[in-house]
């Protein structure tokens, strides 16, 4: 049976590809064998003979399909539609006939992430009562991410441990003025 037919039969009824006579022959050899090592090897062969390797059948199908469709005078789009109707998965058809899958792009260089800074380090960097600070001050002091610092500042605000003073009055740079905070206790 050619790879196209084998794969289609496997999709429709995988059991149809199992050779019952080969299974029976292996079972007879196991029953007759007196050597336990030989029986182990035969049982492994029997287990393999009972399995249908769909991945291998799909790989054989993918390799054979372009020439097969050309020999049948079938366009790739007609073949894609016809084989999809027979239950061939889209990813298998994409590998065999091209299309569908987008070309791989070169991976963007990974940005170096800031190391994880423990919550305790950020909390201990919050200045004592009477000193104002910004989230940027804590980021510079601890090396933590802005998101991590904002989370802790938000929790402290909700718990009433910090007071928000509003935007820094002396801000002269670009963008929005940083918010000033002060520890309450």
Protein backbone atom coordinates (compact mmCIF):
# COMPACT_ATOMS: atom_id res chain seq x y z
CA UNK A 1 0.00 0.00 0.00
CA UNK A 2 1.42 3.43 -0.91
CA UNK A 3 2.00 6.11 1.80
CA UNK A 4 -1.07 8.10 0.72
CA UNK A 5 -3.43 5.15 1.09
CA UNK A 6 -1.79 3.94 4.33
CA UNK A 7 -2.25 7.34 5.99
CA UNK A 8 -5.85 7.71 4.83
CA UNK A 9 -6.65 4.19 6.07
CA UNK A 10 -4.94 4.96 9.39
CA UNK A 11 -7.05 8.08 9.84
CA UNK A 12 -10.26 6.26 9.03
CA UNK A 13 -9.55 3.02 10.90
CA UNK A 14 -6.09 2.60 12.46
CA UNK A 15 -6.83 -1.01 13.40
CA UNK A 16 -7.13 -1.89 9.69
CA UNK A 17 -3.35 -1.49 9.34
CA UNK A 18 -2.54 -4.04 12.03
CA UNK A 19 -1.43 -7.35 10.55
CA UNK A 20 -3.45 -9.96 12.46
CA UNK A 21 -1.43 -12.86 11.06
CA UNK A 22 1.83 -11.26 12.23
CA UNK A 23 0.32 -10.78 15.71
CA UNK A 24 -0.77 -14.41 15.82
CA UNK A 25 2.69 -15.59 14.71
CA UNK A 26 4.37 -13.54 17.47
CA UNK A 27 1.94 -14.85 20.08
CA UNK A 28 2.71 -18.44 18.99
CA UNK A 29 6.45 -17.79 19.24
CA UNK A 30 6.00 -16.36 22.75
CA UNK A 31 3.97 -19.41 23.82
CA UNK A 32 6.60 -21.84 22.46
CA UNK A 33 9.67 -20.01 23.78
CA UNK A 34 11.36 -21.32 26.93
CA UNK A 35 13.91 -18.48 27.10
CA UNK A 36 12.61 -15.57 29.23
CA UNK A 37 14.91 -13.03 27.50
CA UNK A 38 13.63 -14.09 24.09
CA UNK A 39 10.03 -13.82 25.36
CA UNK A 40 10.69 -10.25 26.56
CA UNK A 41 12.04 -9.32 23.12
CA UNK A 42 9.09 -11.02 21.40
CA UNK A 43 6.61 -9.23 23.70
CA UNK A 44 8.23 -5.90 22.76
CA UNK A 45 7.86 -6.79 19.07
CA UNK A 46 4.23 -7.73 19.71
CA UNK A 47 3.56 -4.39 21.42
CA UNK A 48 5.10 -2.52 18.44
CA UNK A 49 3.08 -4.64 15.98
CA UNK A 50 -0.15 -3.67 17.79
CA UNK A 51 0.58 0.06 17.49
CA UNK A 52 -0.05 2.23 14.46
CA UNK A 53 2.54 5.03 14.35
CA UNK A 54 0.44 7.92 13.02
CA UNK A 55 3.38 10.34 13.26
CA UNK A 56 5.51 8.19 10.97
CA UNK A 57 2.60 7.58 8.61
CA UNK A 58 1.98 11.35 8.48
CA UNK A 59 5.67 12.00 7.73
CA UNK A 60 5.57 9.45 4.89
CA UNK A 61 2.33 11.04 3.60
CA UNK A 62 3.90 14.52 3.69
CA UNK A 63 6.94 13.29 1.73
CA UNK A 64 4.86 11.52 -0.92
CA UNK A 65 1.93 13.93 -1.40
CA UNK A 66 3.54 16.56 -3.68
CA UNK A 67 4.57 13.99 -6.31
CA UNK A 68 1.27 12.13 -5.94
CA UNK A 69 -0.83 15.27 -6.54
CA UNK A 70 1.33 16.18 -9.53
CA UNK A 71 0.91 12.68 -11.01
CA UNK A 72 -2.87 13.00 -10.52
CA UNK A 73 -2.90 16.41 -12.23
CA UNK A 74 -4.33 17.94 -9.06
CA UNK A 75 -3.69 21.51 -7.92
CA UNK A 76 -2.49 22.10 -4.37
CA UNK A 77 -5.72 23.89 -3.45
CA UNK A 78 -7.88 21.06 -4.87
CA UNK A 79 -5.74 18.48 -3.05
CA UNK A 80 -5.96 20.48 0.19
CA UNK A 81 -9.76 20.59 -0.03
CA UNK A 82 -10.11 16.92 -0.99
CA UNK A 83 -7.76 15.59 1.68
CA UNK A 84 -9.26 17.86 4.35
CA UNK A 85 -12.65 16.33 3.54
CA UNK A 86 -11.08 12.90 4.24
CA UNK A 87 -9.95 14.05 7.68
CA UNK A 88 -6.31 14.94 7.03
CA UNK A 89 -5.35 17.59 9.62
CA UNK A 90 -4.55 21.10 8.39
CA UNK A 91 -1.01 21.08 9.82
CA UNK A 92 -0.19 17.88 7.89
CA UNK A 93 -1.53 19.41 4.67
CA UNK A 94 0.44 22.60 5.33
CA UNK A 95 3.65 20.59 5.72
CA UNK A 96 2.93 18.58 2.57
CA UNK A 97 1.60 21.28 0.26
CA UNK A 98 3.06 24.46 1.69
CA UNK A 99 1.00 27.50 2.47
CA UNK A 100 -0.99 27.91 5.61
CA UNK A 101 2.08 28.30 7.77
CA UNK A 102 3.67 31.73 7.91
CA UNK A 103 7.39 31.90 7.24
CA UNK A 104 9.48 31.87 10.37
CA UNK A 105 10.81 35.22 11.47
CA UNK A 106 14.10 35.71 13.13
CA UNK A 107 13.58 35.86 16.86
CA UNK A 108 13.88 39.31 18.34
CA UNK A 109 16.73 39.63 20.76
CA UNK A 110 15.52 39.02 24.27
CA UNK A 111 15.52 42.01 26.54
CA UNK A 112 17.41 41.46 29.71
CA UNK A 113 14.96 41.29 32.57
CA UNK A 114 15.61 42.92 35.86
CA UNK A 115 16.42 40.41 38.56
CA UNK A 116 13.56 39.60 40.90
CA UNK A 117 13.74 41.78 43.97
CA UNK A 118 12.10 40.47 47.15
CA UNK A 119 9.14 42.39 48.52
CA UNK A 120 11.04 42.94 51.79
CA UNK A 121 13.84 44.76 49.97
CA UNK A 122 11.40 47.18 48.35
CA UNK A 123 9.48 47.73 51.59
CA UNK A 124 12.68 48.36 53.57
CA UNK A 125 13.76 50.95 50.97
CA UNK A 126 10.67 53.09 51.63
CA UNK A 127 12.04 56.16 53.44
CA UNK A 128 11.18 56.91 57.05
CA UNK A 129 8.23 59.08 58.05
CA UNK A 130 8.66 62.69 56.96
CA UNK A 131 10.67 61.97 53.80
CA UNK A 132 8.93 62.13 50.42
CA UNK A 133 9.83 59.78 47.59
CA UNK A 134 8.70 58.63 44.13
CA UNK A 135 8.37 55.17 42.65
CA UNK A 136 11.42 55.99 40.51
CA UNK A 137 13.42 56.56 43.70
CA UNK A 138 12.53 53.05 44.90
CA UNK A 139 13.35 51.55 41.50
CA UNK A 140 16.79 53.21 41.55
CA UNK A 141 17.39 52.21 45.17
CA UNK A 142 16.38 48.54 44.87
CA UNK A 143 16.79 47.63 41.19
CA UNK A 144 13.20 46.34 41.20
CA UNK A 145 10.85 46.80 38.27
CA UNK A 146 8.45 49.74 38.13
CA UNK A 147 5.54 47.29 38.17
CA UNK A 148 6.80 45.59 41.31
CA UNK A 149 7.34 48.92 43.07
CA UNK A 150 3.91 50.25 41.98
CA UNK A 151 2.24 47.10 43.32
CA UNK A 152 3.77 47.53 46.75
CA UNK A 153 3.12 51.29 46.83
CA UNK A 154 -0.52 50.60 45.88
CA UNK A 155 -0.89 48.03 48.65
CA UNK A 156 0.64 50.39 51.21
CA UNK A 157 -1.69 53.20 50.08
CA UNK A 158 -4.75 50.95 50.47
CA UNK A 159 -3.56 49.83 53.90
CA UNK A 160 -3.12 53.45 54.98
CA UNK A 161 0.63 53.12 55.47
CA UNK A 162 1.48 55.77 52.84
CA UNK A 163 0.19 59.25 52.07
CA UNK A 164 0.03 60.50 48.48
CA UNK A 165 1.17 64.15 48.10
CA UNK A 166 0.32 64.43 44.39
CA UNK A 167 2.60 65.45 41.51
CA UNK A 168 6.06 66.81 42.24
CA UNK A 169 5.73 70.64 42.12
CA UNK A 170 9.29 71.22 40.93
CA UNK A 171 9.04 68.85 37.91
CA UNK A 172 10.48 70.51 34.81
CA UNK A 173 11.25 67.55 32.57
CA UNK A 174 9.24 65.93 29.82
CA UNK A 175 6.12 63.96 30.52
CA UNK A 176 3.88 63.73 33.53
CA UNK A 177 5.28 64.82 36.89
CA UNK A 178 6.05 61.91 39.25
CA UNK A 179 3.75 61.37 42.20
CA UNK A 180 5.23 62.02 45.64
CA UNK A 181 4.56 59.67 48.56
CA UNK A 182 5.34 59.74 52.26
CA UNK A 183 5.33 57.03 54.90
CA UNK A 184 2.62 57.63 57.56
CA UNK A 185 4.06 55.55 60.35
